[in-house]
Structures are given as C-alpha cells and as structure tokens.
C-alpha cells in the first residue's frame, strides 16, 4: 500500500513533466510576453538548489521541504513551458527529489546528503544531454544568502 502511495505521488509530480514533446528547448510553447525564459527558470532552480543544501545541512527540515517542493515545481514549469527538454532528463530528477523528500521526512542527514549528490549529478547529466555541458552545478560551499538563517528555529 505504501509503495502504491509513493508511486501515485511520484506520478502526480512527474506527470506535468511528461508533456515534453519535440520542440526547440529555446522556444517556449507560446510566445506570450509574460513567459519566463528557460535560463531564468534554471537560475531560480539553482538558487533553490543552494537553499535546499544549506537548509538540509543545518537540519532545518521545514525549510528543506519547502525548497524541495519549489524545486519540483520549477522542474515541472520548465518541462511544461519548454517541451524540447527530453522527458527522460526531467523524469530522472524525480528519483533524487523523492529521495530528498524521504530523507527530509525522516530527518535523515546522511540520506539527504546522498540524495542531494544524486540530484546535483542529475542536473549536470541533463545539462550535458542538452548540449550545455559548460553549465556544471556543484555542492555549494558557502551561502550567498547573508540575509537568511538556515538553522532550524529551535537551534538558534
């Protein structure tokens, strides 16, 4: 039963991503003036990637859960708006994100670190597949967010 629930959640979170069909990754599905550029969506995702790392590293599981949900939403947005992104590249990100979510729920630091490394590797694999191997993401070393505390409120 638990496996079925996990599969349902995974399907629901990945379903919008599966809408990706042949179209240039540089061209949005519609040329509406208010559509974000793919690069802008990815920059926001990179910020989420950093914030997720620091939240998990500081055991701020509520913030980590929030950032993980935001990252999942940005992936779905990118796949929906830019359907030239290969489905496999987007779908393969579901596994690491699901592992991150599981680690967050169980407050498992080691599991979080492992899943986060898998997520980072998945980002880089997607970049290579898209011919953007020159964009390589790595584990953040220091936070550019001097105006945000990442430690859980109970640890301050």
Protein backbone atom coordinates (compact mmCIF):
# COMPACT_ATOMS: atom_id res chain seq x y z
CA UNK A 1 0.00 0.00 0.00
CA UNK A 2 2.81 2.39 0.91
CA UNK A 3 4.56 1.65 -2.40
CA UNK A 4 1.35 2.43 -4.29
CA UNK A 5 1.02 5.75 -2.48
CA UNK A 6 4.62 6.65 -3.28
CA UNK A 7 4.13 5.71 -6.93
CA UNK A 8 0.97 7.84 -7.08
CA UNK A 9 2.77 10.84 -5.60
CA UNK A 10 5.68 10.31 -8.00
CA UNK A 11 3.32 10.05 -10.97
CA UNK A 12 1.41 13.19 -9.98
CA UNK A 13 4.62 15.17 -9.51
CA UNK A 14 6.16 13.96 -12.79
CA UNK A 15 3.01 13.96 -14.96
CA UNK A 16 3.29 17.63 -15.99
CA UNK A 17 6.89 16.98 -16.97
CA UNK A 18 5.84 14.19 -19.33
CA UNK A 19 4.14 16.75 -21.56
CA UNK A 20 7.53 17.43 -23.13
CA UNK A 21 7.40 16.74 -26.87
CA UNK A 22 9.60 17.75 -29.79
CA UNK A 23 10.17 21.48 -29.82
CA UNK A 24 13.32 23.52 -29.59
CA UNK A 25 14.44 23.95 -25.97
CA UNK A 26 15.00 27.60 -26.78
CA UNK A 27 11.38 28.16 -27.81
CA UNK A 28 8.50 28.30 -25.33
CA UNK A 29 5.23 26.61 -26.26
CA UNK A 30 3.69 30.04 -26.64
CA UNK A 31 5.35 33.34 -27.34
CA UNK A 32 3.38 35.11 -24.63
CA UNK A 33 5.20 38.20 -23.39
CA UNK A 34 4.98 37.03 -19.77
CA UNK A 35 6.63 33.64 -20.17
CA UNK A 36 9.89 33.29 -18.28
CA UNK A 37 12.97 32.39 -20.27
CA UNK A 38 14.31 28.88 -19.67
CA UNK A 39 17.56 30.36 -18.37
CA UNK A 40 15.62 32.39 -15.81
CA UNK A 41 13.75 29.29 -14.61
CA UNK A 42 17.09 27.47 -14.30
CA UNK A 43 18.68 30.35 -12.37
CA UNK A 44 15.77 30.20 -9.91
CA UNK A 45 16.29 26.44 -9.70
CA UNK A 46 19.99 26.99 -8.97
CA UNK A 47 19.06 29.32 -6.09
CA UNK A 48 16.66 26.66 -4.80
CA UNK A 49 19.42 24.08 -5.12
CA UNK A 50 21.67 26.19 -2.86
CA UNK A 51 18.95 26.97 -0.34
CA UNK A 52 17.91 23.32 -0.19
CA UNK A 53 21.51 22.32 0.50
CA UNK A 54 22.01 24.78 3.33
CA UNK A 55 18.62 24.03 4.88
CA UNK A 56 19.34 20.28 4.87
CA UNK A 57 22.89 20.75 6.10
CA UNK A 58 21.56 22.79 9.04
CA UNK A 59 18.75 20.27 9.69
CA UNK A 60 16.07 22.86 9.03
CA UNK A 61 13.72 20.22 7.67
CA UNK A 62 10.74 22.55 7.22
CA UNK A 63 12.77 24.92 5.06
CA UNK A 64 14.31 21.98 3.20
CA UNK A 65 10.82 20.57 2.48
CA UNK A 66 9.71 23.97 1.20
CA UNK A 67 12.75 24.34 -1.08
CA UNK A 68 12.35 20.79 -2.37
CA UNK A 69 8.72 21.48 -3.29
CA UNK A 70 9.78 24.70 -5.02
CA UNK A 71 12.47 22.85 -6.96
CA UNK A 72 9.98 20.21 -8.06
CA UNK A 73 7.61 22.96 -9.23
CA UNK A 74 10.34 24.73 -11.20
CA UNK A 75 11.23 21.47 -12.96
CA UNK A 76 7.59 20.93 -13.88
CA UNK A 77 7.35 24.53 -15.09
CA UNK A 78 10.45 24.17 -17.27
CA UNK A 79 9.20 20.89 -18.76
CA UNK A 80 5.73 22.29 -19.40
CA UNK A 81 6.83 25.57 -20.97
CA UNK A 82 9.86 24.22 -22.83
CA UNK A 83 8.77 20.92 -24.22
CA UNK A 84 12.06 20.32 -26.07
CA UNK A 85 13.63 19.29 -22.77
CA UNK A 86 13.92 15.50 -23.05
CA UNK A 87 11.35 13.72 -20.88
CA UNK A 88 13.99 11.31 -19.60
CA UNK A 89 16.12 14.17 -18.32
CA UNK A 90 13.25 15.65 -16.36
CA UNK A 91 11.81 12.34 -15.18
CA UNK A 92 15.20 11.13 -13.92
CA UNK A 93 15.19 14.06 -11.50
CA UNK A 94 12.07 12.66 -9.82
CA UNK A 95 14.06 9.87 -8.13
CA UNK A 96 16.57 12.10 -6.35
CA UNK A 97 13.86 14.58 -5.38
CA UNK A 98 11.76 11.75 -3.98
CA UNK A 99 14.82 10.52 -2.04
CA UNK A 100 15.43 14.04 -0.73
CA UNK A 101 11.80 14.28 0.38
CA UNK A 102 12.05 10.91 2.14
CA UNK A 103 15.25 11.97 3.92
CA UNK A 104 13.63 15.25 4.95
CA UNK A 105 10.56 13.47 6.33
CA UNK A 106 12.70 11.06 8.33
CA UNK A 107 15.23 13.79 9.26
CA UNK A 108 17.99 11.60 7.84
CA UNK A 109 21.08 13.77 7.29
CA UNK A 110 23.14 11.05 5.59
CA UNK A 111 20.24 10.16 3.29
CA UNK A 112 19.75 13.82 2.47
CA UNK A 113 23.42 14.28 1.54
CA UNK A 114 23.37 11.18 -0.67
CA UNK A 115 20.14 12.19 -2.43
CA UNK A 116 21.36 15.76 -2.86
CA UNK A 117 24.53 14.49 -4.56
CA UNK A 118 22.31 12.41 -6.88
CA UNK A 119 20.20 15.48 -7.63
CA UNK A 120 23.30 17.50 -8.47
CA UNK A 121 24.60 14.72 -10.73
CA UNK A 122 21.17 14.62 -12.42
CA UNK A 123 21.29 18.37 -13.08
CA UNK A 124 24.69 18.01 -14.72
CA UNK A 125 23.60 14.98 -16.78
CA UNK A 126 20.63 16.99 -18.10
CA UNK A 127 22.92 19.89 -18.98
CA UNK A 128 25.21 17.54 -20.92
CA UNK A 129 22.24 15.97 -22.75
CA UNK A 130 21.02 19.44 -23.73
CA UNK A 131 24.44 20.45 -25.08
CA UNK A 132 25.03 22.72 -22.09
CA UNK A 133 27.90 20.79 -20.52
CA UNK A 134 29.55 24.13 -19.81
CA UNK A 135 26.91 24.64 -17.09
CA UNK A 136 28.09 22.42 -14.24
CA UNK A 137 26.48 22.57 -10.82
CA UNK A 138 28.29 21.52 -7.67
CA UNK A 139 27.68 21.38 -3.95
CA UNK A 140 27.58 24.90 -2.54
CA UNK A 141 30.50 25.78 -0.30
CA UNK A 142 29.22 28.98 1.24
CA UNK A 143 25.89 30.71 1.25
CA UNK A 144 25.37 33.86 -0.80
CA UNK A 145 22.30 34.46 1.38
CA UNK A 146 23.74 36.56 4.17
CA UNK A 147 20.24 37.78 4.89
CA UNK A 148 18.74 34.35 5.66
CA UNK A 149 19.25 31.98 8.57
CA UNK A 150 19.30 28.33 7.59
CA UNK A 151 19.47 26.77 11.04
CA UNK A 152 16.15 25.47 12.30
CA UNK A 153 14.40 27.94 14.64
CA UNK A 154 14.91 25.54 17.56
CA UNK A 155 18.70 25.64 17.03
CA UNK A 156 19.02 29.43 17.10
